[in-house]
N, C-alpha and C. Protein backbone atom coordinates (compact mmCIF):
# COMPACT_ATOMS: atom_id res chain seq x y z
N UNK A 1 -37.69 -15.50 -24.11
CA UNK A 1 -38.44 -15.08 -25.30
C UNK A 1 -39.83 -15.67 -25.25
N UNK A 2 -40.82 -14.98 -25.66
CA UNK A 2 -42.23 -15.44 -25.57
C UNK A 2 -42.40 -16.50 -26.75
N UNK A 3 -43.23 -17.47 -26.47
CA UNK A 3 -43.58 -18.46 -27.49
C UNK A 3 -44.66 -17.92 -28.45
N UNK A 4 -44.52 -18.25 -29.67
CA UNK A 4 -45.59 -17.74 -30.62
C UNK A 4 -46.96 -18.39 -30.29
N UNK A 5 -48.07 -17.78 -30.72
CA UNK A 5 -49.40 -18.25 -30.43
C UNK A 5 -49.69 -19.61 -31.12
N UNK A 6 -48.89 -19.93 -32.17
CA UNK A 6 -49.15 -21.19 -32.88
C UNK A 6 -48.35 -22.36 -32.21
N UNK A 7 -47.63 -22.08 -31.19
CA UNK A 7 -46.92 -23.20 -30.52
C UNK A 7 -47.93 -23.88 -29.57
N UNK A 8 -47.76 -25.15 -29.37
CA UNK A 8 -48.65 -25.95 -28.48
C UNK A 8 -48.64 -25.35 -27.06
N UNK A 9 -49.74 -25.46 -26.35
CA UNK A 9 -49.89 -24.84 -25.03
C UNK A 9 -48.91 -25.30 -23.97
N UNK A 10 -48.38 -26.53 -24.11
CA UNK A 10 -47.38 -27.04 -23.15
C UNK A 10 -46.03 -26.32 -23.30
N UNK A 11 -45.81 -25.72 -24.46
CA UNK A 11 -44.50 -25.10 -24.61
C UNK A 11 -44.50 -23.64 -24.01
N UNK A 12 -45.67 -23.13 -23.79
CA UNK A 12 -45.72 -21.79 -23.16
C UNK A 12 -45.38 -21.85 -21.68
N UNK A 13 -44.70 -20.75 -21.26
CA UNK A 13 -44.41 -20.80 -19.76
C UNK A 13 -45.30 -19.87 -19.02
N UNK A 14 -45.38 -20.05 -17.71
CA UNK A 14 -46.21 -19.22 -16.88
C UNK A 14 -45.61 -17.86 -16.87
N UNK A 15 -46.43 -16.85 -16.71
CA UNK A 15 -46.01 -15.46 -16.62
C UNK A 15 -45.62 -15.04 -15.26
N UNK A 16 -45.89 -15.95 -14.25
CA UNK A 16 -45.55 -15.73 -12.90
C UNK A 16 -44.54 -16.64 -12.39
N UNK A 17 -43.84 -16.15 -11.28
CA UNK A 17 -42.77 -16.99 -10.66
C UNK A 17 -43.42 -18.05 -9.75
N UNK A 18 -42.72 -19.22 -9.78
CA UNK A 18 -43.14 -20.27 -8.88
C UNK A 18 -41.88 -20.79 -8.17
N UNK A 19 -42.04 -21.19 -6.96
CA UNK A 19 -40.93 -21.63 -6.15
C UNK A 19 -40.36 -23.05 -6.70
N UNK A 20 -39.10 -23.25 -6.51
CA UNK A 20 -38.53 -24.59 -6.91
C UNK A 20 -39.07 -25.65 -5.96
N UNK A 21 -38.92 -26.94 -6.42
CA UNK A 21 -39.46 -28.04 -5.63
C UNK A 21 -38.66 -28.19 -4.33
N UNK A 22 -37.34 -27.94 -4.43
CA UNK A 22 -36.43 -28.11 -3.24
C UNK A 22 -35.88 -26.82 -2.84
N UNK A 23 -36.03 -26.48 -1.50
CA UNK A 23 -35.45 -25.21 -0.96
C UNK A 23 -34.05 -25.57 -0.38
N UNK A 24 -33.08 -24.86 -0.88
CA UNK A 24 -31.70 -25.13 -0.32
C UNK A 24 -31.59 -24.68 1.19
N UNK A 25 -30.69 -25.36 1.87
CA UNK A 25 -30.51 -25.03 3.28
C UNK A 25 -29.84 -23.57 3.35
N UNK A 26 -30.12 -22.88 4.45
CA UNK A 26 -29.57 -21.52 4.61
C UNK A 26 -28.04 -21.54 4.67
N UNK A 27 -27.38 -20.35 4.26
CA UNK A 27 -25.97 -20.23 4.24
C UNK A 27 -25.46 -20.17 5.64
N UNK A 28 -24.36 -20.77 5.92
CA UNK A 28 -23.76 -20.76 7.32
C UNK A 28 -22.30 -20.27 7.19
N UNK A 29 -21.97 -19.25 7.88
CA UNK A 29 -20.57 -18.69 7.85
C UNK A 29 -19.54 -19.64 8.61
N UNK A 30 -19.29 -20.78 7.99
CA UNK A 30 -18.37 -21.74 8.64
C UNK A 30 -17.03 -21.76 7.93
N UNK A 31 -16.50 -20.60 7.52
CA UNK A 31 -15.31 -20.59 6.77
C UNK A 31 -14.11 -20.88 7.71
N UNK A 32 -13.11 -21.70 7.31
CA UNK A 32 -12.01 -22.01 8.14
C UNK A 32 -11.09 -20.87 8.51
N UNK A 33 -11.11 -19.77 7.79
CA UNK A 33 -10.29 -18.62 8.06
C UNK A 33 -10.78 -17.70 9.16
N UNK A 34 -12.00 -17.90 9.62
CA UNK A 34 -12.56 -17.13 10.64
C UNK A 34 -11.92 -17.36 12.05
N UNK A 35 -11.33 -16.34 12.75
CA UNK A 35 -10.74 -16.55 14.04
C UNK A 35 -11.78 -16.37 15.07
N UNK A 36 -11.89 -17.35 15.91
CA UNK A 36 -12.80 -17.28 17.05
C UNK A 36 -12.03 -16.58 18.27
N UNK A 37 -12.60 -15.48 18.84
CA UNK A 37 -11.97 -14.85 19.92
C UNK A 37 -10.85 -13.97 19.46
N UNK A 38 -9.74 -13.93 20.26
CA UNK A 38 -8.63 -13.02 20.07
C UNK A 38 -7.66 -13.71 19.09
N UNK A 39 -6.76 -12.83 18.46
CA UNK A 39 -5.80 -13.36 17.49
C UNK A 39 -4.87 -14.28 18.24
N UNK A 40 -4.37 -15.33 17.56
CA UNK A 40 -3.42 -16.25 18.27
C UNK A 40 -2.12 -15.59 18.48
N UNK A 41 -1.36 -15.99 19.52
CA UNK A 41 -0.05 -15.49 19.92
C UNK A 41 0.90 -16.64 19.95
N UNK A 42 2.07 -16.44 19.42
CA UNK A 42 3.08 -17.48 19.53
C UNK A 42 4.27 -17.04 18.68
N UNK A 43 5.29 -18.04 18.67
CA UNK A 43 6.49 -17.74 17.89
C UNK A 43 6.12 -17.70 16.31
N UNK A 44 6.79 -16.72 15.70
CA UNK A 44 6.64 -16.53 14.26
C UNK A 44 5.16 -16.16 13.78
N UNK A 45 4.36 -15.73 14.79
CA UNK A 45 2.96 -15.36 14.38
C UNK A 45 2.87 -13.86 14.05
N UNK A 46 3.83 -13.06 14.48
CA UNK A 46 3.84 -11.68 14.09
C UNK A 46 2.83 -10.92 14.91
N UNK A 47 2.48 -9.72 14.36
CA UNK A 47 1.51 -8.79 15.01
C UNK A 47 0.46 -8.45 14.04
N UNK A 48 -0.77 -8.92 14.21
CA UNK A 48 -1.78 -8.79 13.20
C UNK A 48 -2.29 -7.37 13.14
N UNK A 49 -2.63 -6.84 12.01
CA UNK A 49 -3.20 -5.59 11.86
C UNK A 49 -3.59 -5.30 10.38
N UNK A 50 -4.32 -4.21 10.13
CA UNK A 50 -4.69 -3.92 8.76
C UNK A 50 -3.57 -3.24 7.99
N UNK A 51 -3.52 -3.50 6.65
CA UNK A 51 -2.65 -2.75 5.78
C UNK A 51 -1.20 -2.60 6.18
N UNK A 52 -0.63 -3.71 6.73
CA UNK A 52 0.68 -3.57 7.30
C UNK A 52 1.82 -3.23 6.27
N UNK A 53 1.59 -3.62 5.02
CA UNK A 53 2.55 -3.35 3.97
C UNK A 53 2.82 -1.86 3.73
N UNK A 54 1.90 -1.06 4.16
CA UNK A 54 2.03 0.36 4.00
C UNK A 54 3.31 0.89 4.79
N UNK A 55 3.66 0.19 5.83
CA UNK A 55 4.88 0.60 6.62
C UNK A 55 6.13 0.59 5.69
N UNK A 56 6.15 -0.28 4.72
CA UNK A 56 7.32 -0.33 3.78
C UNK A 56 7.30 0.94 2.96
N UNK A 57 6.09 1.36 2.53
CA UNK A 57 6.04 2.61 1.70
C UNK A 57 6.50 3.86 2.50
N UNK A 58 6.00 3.90 3.81
CA UNK A 58 6.45 4.98 4.70
C UNK A 58 7.94 4.94 4.86
N UNK A 59 8.47 3.76 5.13
CA UNK A 59 9.96 3.61 5.38
C UNK A 59 10.76 4.07 4.11
N UNK A 60 10.27 3.76 2.89
CA UNK A 60 10.97 4.11 1.68
C UNK A 60 10.98 5.64 1.58
N UNK A 61 9.92 6.31 1.92
CA UNK A 61 9.82 7.72 1.93
C UNK A 61 10.77 8.39 2.93
N UNK A 62 11.02 7.72 4.05
CA UNK A 62 11.94 8.24 5.05
C UNK A 62 13.36 7.86 4.79
N UNK A 63 13.66 6.96 3.84
CA UNK A 63 14.94 6.44 3.63
C UNK A 63 16.02 7.50 3.38
N UNK A 64 15.71 8.62 2.64
CA UNK A 64 16.80 9.61 2.41
C UNK A 64 17.25 10.27 3.71
N UNK A 65 16.52 10.18 4.83
CA UNK A 65 16.91 10.77 6.04
C UNK A 65 17.70 9.86 6.93
N UNK A 66 17.85 8.56 6.48
CA UNK A 66 18.55 7.61 7.34
C UNK A 66 20.09 7.79 7.23
N UNK A 67 20.74 7.62 8.31
CA UNK A 67 22.23 7.84 8.38
C UNK A 67 22.81 6.41 8.72
N UNK A 68 23.33 5.71 7.72
CA UNK A 68 23.90 4.39 7.92
C UNK A 68 25.38 4.53 8.22
N UNK A 69 25.88 3.58 8.98
CA UNK A 69 27.32 3.55 9.43
C UNK A 69 28.05 2.36 8.82
N UNK A 70 29.29 2.58 8.38
CA UNK A 70 30.13 1.46 7.92
C UNK A 70 29.43 0.63 6.84
N UNK A 71 29.30 -0.63 7.02
CA UNK A 71 28.77 -1.59 6.06
C UNK A 71 27.29 -1.79 6.11
N UNK A 72 26.60 -1.04 6.92
CA UNK A 72 25.15 -1.20 7.03
C UNK A 72 24.46 -0.97 5.70
N UNK A 73 23.40 -1.74 5.57
CA UNK A 73 22.64 -1.61 4.29
C UNK A 73 21.28 -1.07 4.51
N UNK A 74 20.74 -0.27 3.59
CA UNK A 74 19.44 0.39 3.71
C UNK A 74 18.37 -0.68 3.85
N UNK A 75 18.42 -1.73 3.10
CA UNK A 75 17.25 -2.68 3.10
C UNK A 75 17.21 -3.41 4.45
N UNK A 76 18.39 -3.66 5.12
CA UNK A 76 18.42 -4.20 6.44
C UNK A 76 17.80 -3.32 7.49
N UNK A 77 18.19 -2.04 7.43
CA UNK A 77 17.64 -1.06 8.38
C UNK A 77 16.12 -0.98 8.21
N UNK A 78 15.63 -0.91 6.97
CA UNK A 78 14.17 -0.77 6.72
C UNK A 78 13.46 -1.99 7.25
N UNK A 79 13.95 -3.17 6.82
CA UNK A 79 13.15 -4.41 7.30
C UNK A 79 13.23 -4.59 8.78
N UNK A 80 14.43 -4.29 9.40
CA UNK A 80 14.44 -4.46 10.83
C UNK A 80 13.55 -3.54 11.58
N UNK A 81 13.37 -2.31 11.15
CA UNK A 81 12.57 -1.36 11.76
C UNK A 81 11.09 -1.41 11.44
N UNK A 82 10.75 -1.92 10.26
CA UNK A 82 9.36 -2.05 9.88
C UNK A 82 8.65 -3.03 10.76
N UNK A 83 9.30 -4.07 11.21
CA UNK A 83 8.69 -5.01 12.22
C UNK A 83 8.28 -4.30 13.45
N UNK A 84 9.15 -3.40 13.95
CA UNK A 84 8.79 -2.56 15.15
C UNK A 84 7.59 -1.67 14.88
N UNK A 85 7.60 -1.01 13.76
CA UNK A 85 6.50 -0.16 13.40
C UNK A 85 5.21 -0.90 13.29
N UNK A 86 5.21 -2.06 12.64
CA UNK A 86 3.98 -2.84 12.55
C UNK A 86 3.48 -3.37 13.88
N UNK A 87 4.40 -3.73 14.76
CA UNK A 87 4.02 -4.16 16.11
C UNK A 87 3.41 -2.99 16.84
N UNK A 88 3.96 -1.83 16.73
CA UNK A 88 3.37 -0.66 17.42
C UNK A 88 1.99 -0.32 16.83
N UNK A 89 1.87 -0.40 15.54
CA UNK A 89 0.52 -0.06 14.97
C UNK A 89 -0.52 -1.09 15.42
N UNK A 90 -0.13 -2.41 15.45
CA UNK A 90 -1.14 -3.40 15.88
C UNK A 90 -1.45 -3.31 17.37
N UNK A 91 -0.54 -2.70 18.15
CA UNK A 91 -0.84 -2.46 19.61
C UNK A 91 -2.00 -1.52 19.69
N UNK A 92 -2.15 -0.54 18.77
CA UNK A 92 -3.16 0.42 18.83
C UNK A 92 -4.41 0.05 17.88
N UNK A 93 -4.29 -1.15 17.34
CA UNK A 93 -5.38 -1.69 16.42
C UNK A 93 -5.63 -0.79 15.23
N UNK A 94 -4.56 -0.44 14.54
CA UNK A 94 -4.70 0.32 13.36
C UNK A 94 -3.62 0.00 12.41
N UNK A 95 -3.68 0.57 11.18
CA UNK A 95 -2.70 0.45 10.17
C UNK A 95 -1.46 1.27 10.57
N UNK A 96 -0.23 0.97 10.04
CA UNK A 96 0.93 1.73 10.32
C UNK A 96 0.79 3.24 9.82
N UNK A 97 1.34 4.07 10.55
CA UNK A 97 1.42 5.53 10.13
C UNK A 97 2.90 5.96 10.30
N UNK A 98 3.20 7.12 9.79
CA UNK A 98 4.57 7.61 9.81
C UNK A 98 5.19 7.71 11.23
N UNK A 99 4.42 7.89 12.19
CA UNK A 99 4.95 7.96 13.61
C UNK A 99 5.46 6.68 14.08
N UNK A 100 4.89 5.53 13.62
CA UNK A 100 5.28 4.24 13.97
C UNK A 100 6.71 4.01 13.43
N UNK A 101 6.89 4.26 12.18
CA UNK A 101 8.21 4.02 11.50
C UNK A 101 9.20 5.04 12.04
N UNK A 102 8.81 6.24 12.29
CA UNK A 102 9.78 7.26 12.81
C UNK A 102 10.25 6.77 14.19
N UNK A 103 9.40 6.30 14.98
CA UNK A 103 9.81 5.91 16.39
C UNK A 103 10.83 4.72 16.14
N UNK A 104 10.60 3.77 15.29
CA UNK A 104 11.48 2.65 15.14
C UNK A 104 12.92 3.08 14.66
N UNK A 105 12.92 3.96 13.71
CA UNK A 105 14.22 4.51 13.25
C UNK A 105 14.93 5.34 14.34
N UNK A 106 14.15 6.03 15.15
CA UNK A 106 14.73 6.86 16.17
C UNK A 106 15.43 6.05 17.20
N UNK A 107 14.71 5.05 17.80
CA UNK A 107 15.32 4.27 18.92
C UNK A 107 16.57 3.52 18.48
N UNK A 108 16.64 3.21 17.21
CA UNK A 108 17.89 2.47 16.74
C UNK A 108 18.90 3.45 16.18
N UNK A 109 18.69 4.72 16.32
CA UNK A 109 19.64 5.73 15.91
C UNK A 109 19.89 5.97 14.43
N UNK A 110 18.99 5.52 13.62
CA UNK A 110 19.11 5.65 12.20
C UNK A 110 18.96 7.06 11.64
N UNK A 111 18.48 7.99 12.49
CA UNK A 111 18.34 9.40 12.05
C UNK A 111 19.55 10.21 12.56
N UNK A 112 20.34 9.62 13.44
CA UNK A 112 21.40 10.30 14.11
C UNK A 112 22.67 10.22 13.25
N UNK A 113 23.27 11.35 12.99
CA UNK A 113 24.57 11.43 12.29
C UNK A 113 25.69 10.68 12.99
N UNK A 114 25.75 10.86 14.33
CA UNK A 114 26.77 10.25 15.18
C UNK A 114 26.11 9.51 16.35
N UNK A 115 25.63 8.28 16.13
CA UNK A 115 25.02 7.51 17.21
C UNK A 115 26.07 7.04 18.20
N UNK A 116 25.67 6.61 19.39
CA UNK A 116 26.66 6.17 20.36
C UNK A 116 27.46 4.97 19.80
N UNK A 117 28.71 4.92 20.28
CA UNK A 117 29.58 3.80 19.80
C UNK A 117 28.99 2.44 20.11
N UNK A 118 28.53 2.25 21.24
CA UNK A 118 28.05 0.93 21.60
C UNK A 118 26.76 0.61 20.83
N UNK A 119 26.00 1.56 20.35
CA UNK A 119 24.89 1.30 19.45
C UNK A 119 25.35 0.92 18.10
N UNK A 120 26.39 1.61 17.60
CA UNK A 120 26.99 1.29 16.27
C UNK A 120 27.51 -0.15 16.30
N UNK A 121 28.04 -0.57 17.41
CA UNK A 121 28.54 -1.93 17.60
C UNK A 121 27.44 -2.98 17.63
N UNK A 122 26.28 -2.60 18.18
CA UNK A 122 25.22 -3.52 18.31
C UNK A 122 24.30 -3.75 17.06
N UNK A 123 24.11 -2.67 16.34
CA UNK A 123 23.25 -2.72 15.19
C UNK A 123 23.66 -3.75 14.16
N UNK A 124 24.92 -3.87 13.74
CA UNK A 124 25.32 -4.93 12.74
C UNK A 124 24.96 -6.29 13.25
N UNK A 125 25.10 -6.60 14.52
CA UNK A 125 24.86 -7.90 15.08
C UNK A 125 23.47 -8.29 14.90
N UNK A 126 22.54 -7.30 14.92
CA UNK A 126 21.09 -7.62 14.88
C UNK A 126 20.58 -7.40 13.41
N UNK A 127 21.00 -6.41 12.79
CA UNK A 127 20.40 -6.06 11.53
C UNK A 127 21.04 -6.69 10.26
N UNK A 128 22.26 -7.20 10.33
CA UNK A 128 22.90 -7.66 9.17
C UNK A 128 22.10 -8.77 8.50
N UNK A 129 21.77 -8.68 7.21
CA UNK A 129 21.10 -9.66 6.49
C UNK A 129 19.55 -9.69 6.59
N UNK A 130 19.00 -8.93 7.49
CA UNK A 130 17.59 -8.98 7.73
C UNK A 130 16.80 -8.50 6.52
N UNK A 131 17.45 -7.75 5.69
CA UNK A 131 16.73 -7.26 4.45
C UNK A 131 16.31 -8.33 3.54
N UNK A 132 16.99 -9.52 3.67
CA UNK A 132 16.60 -10.72 2.91
C UNK A 132 15.49 -11.46 3.66
N UNK A 133 14.35 -11.01 3.55
CA UNK A 133 13.19 -11.49 4.41
C UNK A 133 12.88 -12.97 4.19
N UNK A 134 13.30 -13.49 2.95
CA UNK A 134 12.90 -14.93 2.77
C UNK A 134 13.84 -15.83 3.55
N UNK A 135 15.07 -15.40 4.00
CA UNK A 135 15.97 -16.20 4.74
C UNK A 135 16.12 -15.72 6.15
N UNK A 136 15.75 -14.56 6.50
CA UNK A 136 15.98 -13.98 7.83
C UNK A 136 14.76 -13.47 8.49
N UNK A 137 13.59 -14.07 8.25
CA UNK A 137 12.36 -13.60 8.87
C UNK A 137 12.46 -13.76 10.45
N UNK A 138 13.07 -14.79 10.93
CA UNK A 138 13.10 -15.00 12.43
C UNK A 138 13.93 -13.95 13.04
N UNK A 139 15.04 -13.49 12.39
CA UNK A 139 15.92 -12.47 12.98
C UNK A 139 15.22 -11.13 12.92
N UNK A 140 14.44 -10.85 11.85
CA UNK A 140 13.58 -9.63 11.82
C UNK A 140 12.56 -9.57 12.91
N UNK A 141 11.94 -10.72 13.21
CA UNK A 141 10.99 -10.85 14.24
C UNK A 141 11.66 -10.65 15.61
N UNK A 142 12.82 -11.11 15.73
CA UNK A 142 13.54 -11.02 16.98
C UNK A 142 13.80 -9.54 17.32
N UNK A 143 14.14 -8.73 16.28
CA UNK A 143 14.45 -7.33 16.51
C UNK A 143 13.11 -6.60 17.00
N UNK A 144 11.97 -7.01 16.31
CA UNK A 144 10.75 -6.38 16.76
C UNK A 144 10.36 -6.85 18.13
N UNK A 145 10.59 -8.04 18.50
CA UNK A 145 10.21 -8.58 19.78
C UNK A 145 11.13 -8.04 20.95
N UNK A 146 12.30 -7.63 20.58
CA UNK A 146 13.28 -7.00 21.57
C UNK A 146 12.66 -5.75 22.27
N UNK A 147 12.00 -4.99 21.45
CA UNK A 147 11.54 -3.62 21.94
C UNK A 147 10.41 -3.85 22.95
N UNK A 148 10.58 -3.25 24.10
CA UNK A 148 9.53 -3.39 25.19
C UNK A 148 8.26 -2.61 24.77
N UNK A 149 7.18 -3.08 25.21
CA UNK A 149 5.88 -2.45 24.95
C UNK A 149 5.85 -1.02 25.51
N UNK A 150 6.50 -0.75 26.62
CA UNK A 150 6.60 0.53 27.08
C UNK A 150 7.20 1.59 26.08
N UNK A 151 8.19 1.12 25.30
CA UNK A 151 8.74 1.94 24.31
C UNK A 151 7.73 2.16 23.17
N UNK A 152 7.00 1.15 22.81
CA UNK A 152 6.06 1.24 21.73
C UNK A 152 4.93 2.22 22.03
N UNK A 153 4.62 2.41 23.30
CA UNK A 153 3.54 3.30 23.75
C UNK A 153 4.03 4.78 23.82
N UNK A 154 5.29 5.06 23.65
CA UNK A 154 5.80 6.44 23.62
C UNK A 154 5.40 7.17 22.37
N UNK A 155 5.35 8.44 22.37
CA UNK A 155 5.23 9.25 21.20
C UNK A 155 6.57 9.33 20.61
N UNK A 156 6.63 9.61 19.30
CA UNK A 156 8.00 9.73 18.62
C UNK A 156 8.78 10.82 19.32
N UNK A 157 8.20 11.91 19.84
CA UNK A 157 8.90 12.92 20.45
C UNK A 157 9.54 12.49 21.80
N UNK A 158 8.78 11.70 22.55
CA UNK A 158 9.25 11.16 23.80
C UNK A 158 10.45 10.22 23.55
N UNK A 159 10.32 9.41 22.52
CA UNK A 159 11.47 8.54 22.16
C UNK A 159 12.68 9.29 21.76
N UNK A 160 12.49 10.38 20.95
CA UNK A 160 13.61 11.20 20.51
C UNK A 160 14.33 11.90 21.79
N UNK A 161 13.44 12.27 22.72
CA UNK A 161 14.05 12.95 23.93
C UNK A 161 14.80 11.95 24.78
N UNK A 162 14.41 10.63 24.81
CA UNK A 162 15.10 9.67 25.58
C UNK A 162 16.37 9.11 24.91
N UNK A 163 16.42 9.20 23.61
CA UNK A 163 17.53 8.77 22.79
C UNK A 163 18.57 9.94 22.85
N UNK A 164 19.84 9.71 22.83
CA UNK A 164 20.54 8.54 22.83
C UNK A 164 20.98 8.05 24.23
N UNK A 165 20.62 8.77 25.21
CA UNK A 165 21.06 8.34 26.64
C UNK A 165 20.47 7.02 27.00
N UNK A 166 19.25 6.71 26.69
CA UNK A 166 18.54 5.54 27.19
C UNK A 166 18.30 4.56 25.97
N UNK A 167 19.16 4.54 24.91
CA UNK A 167 18.89 3.74 23.73
C UNK A 167 18.76 2.27 24.15
N UNK A 168 19.51 1.72 25.10
CA UNK A 168 19.42 0.32 25.46
C UNK A 168 18.06 0.01 26.11
N UNK A 169 17.57 0.92 26.88
CA UNK A 169 16.26 0.71 27.59
C UNK A 169 15.17 0.86 26.49
N UNK A 170 15.32 1.72 25.51
CA UNK A 170 14.26 1.89 24.53
C UNK A 170 14.23 0.66 23.58
N UNK A 171 15.38 0.03 23.20
CA UNK A 171 15.43 -1.00 22.22
C UNK A 171 15.37 -2.38 22.88
N UNK A 172 15.59 -2.50 24.17
CA UNK A 172 15.65 -3.79 24.80
C UNK A 172 16.96 -4.49 24.54
N UNK A 173 17.84 -3.91 23.90
CA UNK A 173 19.08 -4.58 23.61
C UNK A 173 20.10 -4.47 24.67
């Protein structure tokens, strides 16, 4: 607000900008969260990539197509396969898409009405309880880490063509 003319001259301020007495040092991007070089690799580090939570949305949309056997639970199947989908998406440096989730469900036979008997016997050993991600993260990571990179590089159609004859090769189990 401008000072009235009756105010003493010292109370008036200059109409022009003047620099401060001290110039602050320039900003330096030294944040501790910045990763130098490539992403770290190791146990329980996962597969880094953008918007990975979207794989859960895609899996929920595909859930009505899943064919569970015996005492299998939907949340176990989803959590176990989402790790595979996220790993595949990060391999291509992108966010998960429907093809990533489809490939994961396909190689584990969750779209098949009558999967092979040995696959039905293997799935509960790996997937049981994985839906409780607070207590079974390591088991979910183990499922994702089982799948060979060669399988992750297949198209969903190539995986569907190889399943069920080569399900052990596709899953690494």
